[in-house]
Amino acid sequence: MSIKTGGRLPLNILLLDTATNIEIVALQYNRAIADKTTQTLNSHSVSLFDAIDSACKELNTTIHSIQCIGVGIGPGSFTGIRIAVTTARMLAQILQVPLVGIPTQLLFASAIVHTNAHCIVAFDAKKGRVFAARYHVTHDSMPQEILPPGDYTIEQLFSEQCNQPVIAVGDGSIKYQENMIKLCNTIQIVPDFIPKADGMIRLVESLYMENPTRYTDYRKVQPYYSRKSDAEVMKELREKK
């Protein structure tokens, strides 16, 4: 699917994602973009609204100018996912604007600038596993899914042969880089990758314009965890006793 602009004025879009230690907050207003994406050690619940307010002030506007909201739905940190999704749903309800839920891995992949490569976006899921996905990225279209977002071992990410460039981002790529290099000699691991807003904003806008009626009900946007939390697993074990 090509990224569409159609020669019209771009939508005023707010984008949020807190599924990882990278807090994504970006606002597009009247063709300008305020990018407040940053790596944070604090809880996203502490900084998220301040970042939204800062983006609005940078562009001399308010949240009431927002026409569409995009939000990363995971998989990633269970608590982190809930913060962004809950906030985005609340704002979409209050402002009565469309809400576009997007896998966090796809958001990161949309910020990869490359003419032709595979991209692995992997976040540490503990226990030797990663919340990850694999895409084919080019400079003029949305990332094409090869392996859908989910809970994987490192080996499962490399079912496709490494016969072309492979770019890996995310803290899971750093933690398991030795394993990845052994499995793929064409891989390039990008440390400290922080996605830029423009590609992610274009992704939100393109998805919305492709099928606007799909995103009118904010209640349809739900967190995607891809596996049960440790607390849920322990609860089920206790109930079986």
C-alpha atoms as a PDB file:
ATOM      1  CA  MET A   1       0.000   0.000   0.000  1.00  0.00           C
ATOM      2  CA  SER A   2       1.501   3.314  -1.058  1.00  0.00           C
ATOM      3  CA  ILE A   3       1.585   6.255   1.304  1.00  0.00           C
ATOM      4  CA  LYS A   4      -1.036   8.723   0.112  1.00  0.00           C
ATOM      5  CA  THR A   5      -1.153  12.474   0.406  1.00  0.00           C
ATOM      6  CA  GLY A   6      -3.569  13.310  -2.401  1.00  0.00           C
ATOM      7  CA  GLY A   7      -2.527  16.947  -2.669  1.00  0.00           C
ATOM      8  CA  ARG A   8      -4.827  18.008   0.175  1.00  0.00           C
ATOM      9  CA  LEU A   9      -4.016  19.637   3.474  1.00  0.00           C
ATOM     10  CA  PRO A  10      -2.703  17.065   5.941  1.00  0.00           C
ATOM     11  CA  LEU A  11      -4.835  16.149   8.920  1.00  0.00           C
ATOM     12  CA  ASN A  12      -4.054  17.514  12.353  1.00  0.00           C
ATOM     13  CA  ILE A  13      -2.866  14.305  14.007  1.00  0.00           C
ATOM     14  CA  LEU A  14      -1.790  13.404  17.532  1.00  0.00           C
ATOM     15  CA  LEU A  15       0.311  10.240  17.853  1.00  0.00           C
ATOM     16  CA  LEU A  16       0.995   8.404  21.128  1.00  0.00           C
ATOM     17  CA  ASP A  17       2.878   5.239  22.046  1.00  0.00           C
ATOM     18  CA  THR A  18       4.145   4.125  25.463  1.00  0.00           C
ATOM     19  CA  ALA A  19       4.655   0.395  24.894  1.00  0.00           C
ATOM     20  CA  THR A  20       8.427   0.688  25.403  1.00  0.00           C
ATOM     21  CA  ASN A  21      10.859   2.905  27.294  1.00  0.00           C
ATOM     22  CA  ILE A  22      10.632   5.259  24.313  1.00  0.00           C
ATOM     23  CA  GLU A  23       7.708   7.621  24.779  1.00  0.00           C
ATOM     24  CA  ILE A  24       6.299   8.618  21.407  1.00  0.00           C
ATOM     25  CA  VAL A  25       4.386  11.893  21.364  1.00  0.00           C
ATOM     26  CA  ALA A  26       4.041  13.763  18.084  1.00  0.00           C
ATOM     27  CA  LEU A  27       1.616  16.356  16.782  1.00  0.00           C
ATOM     28  CA  GLN A  28       1.021  17.408  13.189  1.00  0.00           C
ATOM     29  CA  TYR A  29      -0.746  20.753  12.826  1.00  0.00           C
ATOM     30  CA  ASN A  30      -1.025  22.875   9.666  1.00  0.00           C
ATOM     31  CA  ARG A  31       1.782  20.947   7.933  1.00  0.00           C
ATOM     32  CA  ALA A  32       4.198  21.390  10.860  1.00  0.00           C
ATOM     33  CA  ILE A  33       5.211  18.562  13.209  1.00  0.00           C
ATOM     34  CA  ALA A  34       6.183  18.833  16.861  1.00  0.00           C
ATOM     35  CA  ASP A  35       8.122  15.708  17.814  1.00  0.00           C
ATOM     36  CA  LYS A  36       8.402  15.120  21.568  1.00  0.00           C
ATOM     37  CA  THR A  37       9.515  11.503  21.294  1.00  0.00           C
ATOM     38  CA  THR A  38      12.139  10.664  23.886  1.00  0.00           C
ATOM     39  CA  GLN A  39      13.655   7.857  25.894  1.00  0.00           C
ATOM     40  CA  THR A  40      12.427   8.013  29.472  1.00  0.00           C
ATOM     41  CA  LEU A  41      13.248   6.314  32.759  1.00  0.00           C
ATOM     42  CA  ASN A  42      10.076   7.596  34.412  1.00  0.00           C
ATOM     43  CA  SER A  43       6.612   6.118  34.239  1.00  0.00           C
ATOM     44  CA  HIS A  44       4.851   7.291  31.092  1.00  0.00           C
ATOM     45  CA  SER A  45       1.889   8.276  33.250  1.00  0.00           C
ATOM     46  CA  VAL A  46       4.103  10.981  34.771  1.00  0.00           C
ATOM     47  CA  SER A  47       5.284  12.585  31.535  1.00  0.00           C
ATOM     48  CA  LEU A  48       2.738  11.821  28.812  1.00  0.00           C
ATOM     49  CA  PHE A  49       0.334  14.721  29.339  1.00  0.00           C
ATOM     50  CA  ASP A  50       3.195  17.182  29.778  1.00  0.00           C
ATOM     51  CA  ALA A  51       4.602  16.051  26.431  1.00  0.00           C
ATOM     52  CA  ILE A  52       1.214  16.472  24.734  1.00  0.00           C
ATOM     53  CA  ASP A  53       0.892  19.960  26.207  1.00  0.00           C
ATOM     54  CA  SER A  54       4.435  20.821  25.102  1.00  0.00           C
ATOM     55  CA  ALA A  55       3.702  19.719  21.527  1.00  0.00           C
ATOM     56  CA  CYS A  56       0.559  21.852  21.414  1.00  0.00           C
ATOM     57  CA  LYS A  57       2.394  24.890  22.743  1.00  0.00           C
ATOM     58  CA  GLU A  58       5.230  24.474  20.244  1.00  0.00           C
ATOM     59  CA  LEU A  59       2.731  24.692  17.381  1.00  0.00           C
ATOM     60  CA  ASN A  60       0.607  27.400  19.024  1.00  0.00           C
ATOM     61  CA  THR A  61      -2.504  25.260  19.162  1.00  0.00           C
ATOM     62  CA  THR A  62      -4.588  23.182  21.584  1.00  0.00           C
ATOM     63  CA  ILE A  63      -5.837  19.607  21.655  1.00  0.00           C
ATOM     64  CA  HIS A  64      -9.147  20.883  20.283  1.00  0.00           C
ATOM     65  CA  SER A  65      -7.536  21.321  16.852  1.00  0.00           C
ATOM     66  CA  ILE A  66      -6.808  17.582  16.625  1.00  0.00           C
ATOM     67  CA  GLN A  67      -8.703  15.817  13.824  1.00  0.00           C
ATOM     68  CA  CYS A  68      -7.351  12.289  14.243  1.00  0.00           C
ATOM     69  CA  ILE A  69      -5.432  10.325  16.893  1.00  0.00           C
ATOM     70  CA  GLY A  70      -3.029   7.447  16.320  1.00  0.00           C
ATOM     71  CA  VAL A  71      -1.907   5.133  19.111  1.00  0.00           C
ATOM     72  CA  GLY A  72       0.509   2.244  19.421  1.00  0.00           C
ATOM     73  CA  ILE A  73      -1.296  -0.829  20.782  1.00  0.00           C
ATOM     74  CA  GLY A  74       1.744  -3.040  21.453  1.00  0.00           C
ATOM     75  CA  PRO A  75       2.899  -5.674  21.991  1.00  0.00           C
ATOM     76  CA  GLY A  76       5.384  -4.443  24.562  1.00  0.00           C
ATOM     77  CA  SER A  77       5.237  -3.438  28.209  1.00  0.00           C
ATOM     78  CA  PHE A  78       1.814  -4.431  29.543  1.00  0.00           C
ATOM     79  CA  THR A  79       1.542  -1.360  31.774  1.00  0.00           C
ATOM     80  CA  GLY A  80       2.982   0.944  29.125  1.00  0.00           C
ATOM     81  CA  ILE A  81       0.534  -0.186  26.456  1.00  0.00           C
ATOM     82  CA  ARG A  82      -2.414   0.529  28.719  1.00  0.00           C
ATOM     83  CA  ILE A  83      -1.249   4.089  29.446  1.00  0.00           C
ATOM     84  CA  ALA A  84      -1.199   5.215  25.799  1.00  0.00           C
ATOM     85  CA  VAL A  85      -4.292   3.289  24.736  1.00  0.00           C
ATOM     86  CA  THR A  86      -6.355   4.528  27.686  1.00  0.00           C
ATOM     87  CA  THR A  87      -5.220   8.114  27.099  1.00  0.00           C
ATOM     88  CA  ALA A  88      -5.896   7.953  23.357  1.00  0.00           C
ATOM     89  CA  ARG A  89      -9.345   6.433  23.856  1.00  0.00           C
ATOM     90  CA  MET A  90     -10.223   9.115  26.394  1.00  0.00           C
ATOM     91  CA  LEU A  91      -9.099  11.940  24.095  1.00  0.00           C
ATOM     92  CA  ALA A  92     -10.854  10.433  21.072  1.00  0.00           C
ATOM     93  CA  GLN A  93     -14.075  10.215  23.071  1.00  0.00           C
ATOM     94  CA  ILE A  94     -13.809  13.763  24.419  1.00  0.00           C
ATOM     95  CA  LEU A  95     -12.790  15.340  21.107  1.00  0.00           C
ATOM     96  CA  GLN A  96     -15.038  13.061  19.028  1.00  0.00           C
ATOM     97  CA  VAL A  97     -12.299  12.278  16.518  1.00  0.00           C
ATOM     98  CA  PRO A  98     -11.204   9.038  14.809  1.00  0.00           C
ATOM     99  CA  LEU A  99      -8.769   6.748  16.628  1.00  0.00           C
ATOM    100  CA  VAL A 100      -6.289   4.632  14.661  1.00  0.00           C
ATOM    101  CA  GLY A 101      -4.729   1.743  16.587  1.00  0.00           C
ATOM    102  CA  ILE A 102      -1.414   0.556  15.152  1.00  0.00           C
ATOM    103  CA  PRO A 103       1.008  -2.170  16.298  1.00  0.00           C
ATOM    104  CA  THR A 104       3.973  -0.529  17.995  1.00  0.00           C
ATOM    105  CA  GLN A 105       6.372  -2.538  15.818  1.00  0.00           C
ATOM    106  CA  LEU A 106       4.769  -1.127  12.671  1.00  0.00           C
ATOM    107  CA  LEU A 107       5.152   2.413  13.996  1.00  0.00           C
ATOM    108  CA  PHE A 108       8.870   1.871  14.553  1.00  0.00           C
ATOM    109  CA  ALA A 109       9.290   0.244  11.127  1.00  0.00           C
ATOM    110  CA  SER A 110       7.616   3.216   9.433  1.00  0.00           C
ATOM    111  CA  ALA A 111      10.438   5.400  10.769  1.00  0.00           C
ATOM    112  CA  ILE A 112      13.147   3.291   9.094  1.00  0.00           C
ATOM    113  CA  VAL A 113      14.577   5.105   6.084  1.00  0.00           C
ATOM    114  CA  HIS A 114      15.875   2.607   3.519  1.00  0.00           C
ATOM    115  CA  THR A 115      15.364   1.981  -0.185  1.00  0.00           C
ATOM    116  CA  ASN A 116      14.987  -1.805   0.155  1.00  0.00           C
ATOM    117  CA  ALA A 117      15.552  -3.871   3.294  1.00  0.00           C
ATOM    118  CA  HIS A 118      13.975  -6.136   5.844  1.00  0.00           C
ATOM    119  CA  CYS A 119      13.387  -4.612   9.260  1.00  0.00           C
ATOM    120  CA  ILE A 120      13.085  -6.423  12.580  1.00  0.00           C
ATOM    121  CA  VAL A 121      11.578  -4.453  15.459  1.00  0.00           C
ATOM    122  CA  ALA A 122      12.173  -6.350  18.711  1.00  0.00           C
ATOM    123  CA  PHE A 123      11.460  -5.371  22.307  1.00  0.00           C
ATOM    124  CA  ASP A 124      12.720  -7.424  25.238  1.00  0.00           C
ATOM    125  CA  ALA A 125       9.950  -9.709  26.534  1.00  0.00           C
ATOM    126  CA  LYS A 126      12.152 -11.459  29.135  1.00  0.00           C
ATOM    127  CA  LYS A 127      12.603 -15.247  29.339  1.00  0.00           C
ATOM    128  CA  GLY A 128      14.735 -15.232  26.191  1.00  0.00           C
ATOM    129  CA  ARG A 129      11.873 -13.923  24.066  1.00  0.00           C
ATOM    130  CA  VAL A 130      10.973 -10.699  22.274  1.00  0.00           C
ATOM    131  CA  PHE A 131       7.836  -8.820  21.317  1.00  0.00           C
ATOM    132  CA  ALA A 132       8.702  -8.414  17.670  1.00  0.00           C
ATOM    133  CA  ALA A 133       7.702  -8.243  14.016  1.00  0.00           C
ATOM    134  CA  ARG A 134       9.487  -8.334  10.671  1.00  0.00           C
ATOM    135  CA  TYR A 135       8.749  -6.063   7.724  1.00  0.00           C
ATOM    136  CA  HIS A 136       9.951  -5.206   4.238  1.00  0.00           C
ATOM    137  CA  VAL A 137      10.666  -1.484   4.109  1.00  0.00           C
ATOM    138  CA  THR A 138      11.179   0.841   1.146  1.00  0.00           C
ATOM    139  CA  HIS A 139      11.354   4.619   0.882  1.00  0.00           C
ATOM    140  CA  ASP A 140       7.980   5.176  -0.804  1.00  0.00           C
ATOM    141  CA  SER A 141       5.482   2.767   0.747  1.00  0.00           C
ATOM    142  CA  MET A 142       4.258   1.522   4.083  1.00  0.00           C
ATOM    143  CA  PRO A 143       6.199  -1.385   5.621  1.00  0.00           C
ATOM    144  CA  GLN A 144       4.986  -4.726   4.296  1.00  0.00           C
ATOM    145  CA  GLU A 145       4.441  -7.341   6.983  1.00  0.00           C
ATOM    146  CA  ILE A 146       6.547 -10.504   6.774  1.00  0.00           C
ATOM    147  CA  LEU A 147       6.132 -11.762  10.340  1.00  0.00           C
ATOM    148  CA  PRO A 148       3.210 -10.276  12.314  1.00  0.00           C
ATOM    149  CA  PRO A 149       3.705  -8.640  15.711  1.00  0.00           C
ATOM    150  CA  GLY A 150       3.860 -11.244  18.453  1.00  0.00           C
ATOM    151  CA  ASP A 151       5.827 -13.039  21.160  1.00  0.00           C
ATOM    152  CA  TYR A 152       8.783 -14.866  19.594  1.00  0.00           C
ATOM    153  CA  THR A 153      12.081 -16.578  20.212  1.00  0.00           C
ATOM    154  CA  ILE A 154      15.013 -15.019  18.370  1.00  0.00           C
ATOM    155  CA  GLU A 155      15.190 -18.035  16.058  1.00  0.00           C
ATOM    156  CA  GLN A 156      11.596 -17.520  14.936  1.00  0.00           C
ATOM    157  CA  LEU A 157      12.470 -14.071  13.594  1.00  0.00           C
ATOM    158  CA  PHE A 158      14.815 -15.578  11.018  1.00  0.00           C
ATOM    159  CA  SER A 159      12.620 -18.101   9.223  1.00  0.00           C
ATOM    160  CA  GLU A 160      13.232 -15.938   6.143  1.00  0.00           C
ATOM    161  CA  GLN A 161      16.668 -16.276   4.564  1.00  0.00           C
ATOM    162  CA  CYS A 162      19.110 -13.397   5.104  1.00  0.00           C
ATOM    163  CA  ASN A 163      19.845 -12.742   1.448  1.00  0.00           C
ATOM    164  CA  GLN A 164      19.291  -8.981   1.648  1.00  0.00           C
ATOM    165  CA  PRO A 165      19.974  -6.198   4.163  1.00  0.00           C
ATOM    166  CA  VAL A 166      18.262  -6.655   7.531  1.00  0.00           C
ATOM    167  CA  ILE A 167      17.952  -3.745   9.968  1.00  0.00           C
ATOM    168  CA  ALA A 168      17.141  -4.485  13.611  1.00  0.00           C
ATOM    169  CA  VAL A 169      15.934  -1.919  16.145  1.00  0.00           C
ATOM    170  CA  GLY A 170      14.546  -2.009  19.668  1.00  0.00           C
ATOM    171  CA  ASP A 171      16.025  -3.003  23.018  1.00  0.00           C
ATOM    172  CA  GLY A 172      15.428  -6.680  22.232  1.00  0.00           C
ATOM    173  CA  SER A 173      17.784  -6.361  19.270  1.00  0.00           C
ATOM    174  CA  ILE A 174      20.476  -4.979  21.566  1.00  0.00           C
ATOM    175  CA  LYS A 175      19.982  -7.591  24.286  1.00  0.00           C
ATOM    176  CA  TYR A 176      20.085 -10.521  21.860  1.00  0.00           C
ATOM    177  CA  GLN A 177      22.417  -9.087  19.236  1.00  0.00           C
ATOM    178  CA  GLU A 178      24.920 -11.950  19.479  1.00  0.00           C
ATOM    179  CA  ASN A 179      22.186 -14.468  18.710  1.00  0.00           C
ATOM    180  CA  MET A 180      20.912 -12.355  15.822  1.00  0.00           C
ATOM    181  CA  ILE A 181      24.350 -11.962  14.258  1.00  0.00           C
ATOM    182  CA  LYS A 182      24.877 -15.730  14.402  1.00  0.00           C
ATOM    183  CA  LEU A 183      21.575 -16.302  12.630  1.00  0.00           C
ATOM    184  CA  CYS A 184      21.966 -13.564  10.011  1.00  0.00           C
ATOM    185  CA  ASN A 185      25.273 -12.277   8.651  1.00  0.00           C
ATOM    186  CA  THR A 186      23.615  -9.411   6.756  1.00  0.00           C
ATOM    187  CA  ILE A 187      22.030  -7.858   9.842  1.00  0.00           C
ATOM    188  CA  GLN A 188      22.673  -4.285  10.935  1.00  0.00           C
ATOM    189  CA  ILE A 189      21.676  -3.615  14.537  1.00  0.00           C
ATOM    190  CA  VAL A 190      20.917   0.043  15.239  1.00  0.00           C
ATOM    191  CA  PRO A 191      21.591   0.962  18.890  1.00  0.00           C
ATOM    192  CA  ASP A 192      19.658   3.749  20.640  1.00  0.00           C
ATOM    193  CA  PHE A 193      17.149   3.986  17.803  1.00  0.00           C
ATOM    194  CA  ILE A 194      14.497   6.637  18.436  1.00  0.00           C
ATOM    195  CA  PRO A 195      11.872   6.797  15.667  1.00  0.00           C
ATOM    196  CA  LYS A 196      11.284  10.127  13.959  1.00  0.00           C
ATOM    197  CA  ALA A 197       7.759  11.474  13.863  1.00  0.00           C
ATOM    198  CA  ASP A 198       7.287  12.247  10.171  1.00  0.00           C
ATOM    199  CA  GLY A 199       7.193   8.633   8.946  1.00  0.00           C
ATOM    200  CA  MET A 200       4.917   7.559  11.794  1.00  0.00           C
ATOM    201  CA  ILE A 201       2.523  10.465  11.241  1.00  0.00           C
ATOM    202  CA  ARG A 202       2.327   9.638   7.524  1.00  0.00           C
ATOM    203  CA  LEU A 203       1.510   6.040   8.441  1.00  0.00           C
ATOM    204  CA  VAL A 204      -1.384   7.104  10.684  1.00  0.00           C
ATOM    205  CA  GLU A 205      -2.739   9.436   8.022  1.00  0.00           C
ATOM    206  CA  SER A 206      -2.426   6.871   5.248  1.00  0.00           C
ATOM    207  CA  LEU A 207      -4.192   4.163   7.244  1.00  0.00           C
ATOM    208  CA  TYR A 208      -7.006   6.536   8.147  1.00  0.00           C
ATOM    209  CA  MET A 209      -7.497   7.852   4.600  1.00  0.00           C
ATOM    210  CA  GLU A 210      -7.570   4.304   3.227  1.00  0.00           C
ATOM    211  CA  ASN A 211     -10.743   3.510   5.195  1.00  0.00           C
ATOM    212  CA  PRO A 212     -12.021   6.378   7.389  1.00  0.00           C
ATOM    213  CA  THR A 213     -15.162   4.570   8.584  1.00  0.00           C
ATOM    214  CA  ARG A 214     -13.027   1.856  10.170  1.00  0.00           C
ATOM    215  CA  TYR A 215     -11.732   4.242  12.840  1.00  0.00           C
ATOM    216  CA  THR A 216     -14.850   6.087  13.973  1.00  0.00           C
ATOM    217  CA  ASP A 217     -15.435   3.992  17.128  1.00  0.00           C
ATOM    218  CA  TYR A 218     -12.683   4.477  19.721  1.00  0.00           C
ATOM    219  CA  ARG A 219     -13.962   1.432  21.648  1.00  0.00           C
ATOM    220  CA  LYS A 220     -12.647  -0.869  18.920  1.00  0.00           C
ATOM    221  CA  VAL A 221      -9.055   0.077  19.739  1.00  0.00           C
ATOM    222  CA  GLN A 222      -7.741  -2.376  22.326  1.00  0.00           C
ATOM    223  CA  PRO A 223      -4.291  -3.163  23.745  1.00  0.00           C
ATOM    224  CA  TYR A 224      -2.507  -6.054  22.042  1.00  0.00           C
ATOM    225  CA  TYR A 225      -0.461  -7.953  24.612  1.00  0.00           C
ATOM    226  CA  SER A 226       0.270 -11.116  22.543  1.00  0.00           C
ATOM    227  CA  ARG A 227       0.620 -13.219  25.712  1.00  0.00           C
ATOM    228  CA  LYS A 228      -0.708 -13.427  29.249  1.00  0.00           C
ATOM    229  CA  SER A 229       0.996 -11.423  31.963  1.00  0.00           C
ATOM    230  CA  ASP A 230       2.933 -13.213  34.702  1.00  0.00           C
ATOM    231  CA  ALA A 231       0.201 -12.196  37.156  1.00  0.00           C
ATOM    232  CA  GLU A 232      -2.467 -13.827  34.976  1.00  0.00           C
ATOM    233  CA  VAL A 233      -0.411 -17.010  34.647  1.00  0.00           C
ATOM    234  CA  MET A 234       0.128 -17.214  38.413  1.00  0.00           C
ATOM    235  CA  LYS A 235      -3.573 -16.618  39.051  1.00  0.00           C
ATOM    236  CA  GLU A 236      -4.533 -19.463  36.708  1.00  0.00           C
ATOM    237  CA  LEU A 237      -2.044 -21.786  38.404  1.00  0.00           C
ATOM    238  CA  ARG A 238      -3.485 -20.961  41.825  1.00  0.00           C
ATOM    239  CA  GLU A 239      -7.028 -21.559  40.604  1.00  0.00           C
ATOM    240  CA  LYS A 240      -6.082 -24.993  39.259  1.00  0.00           C
ATOM    241  CA  LYS A 241      -4.804 -26.136  42.660  1.00  0.00           C
END
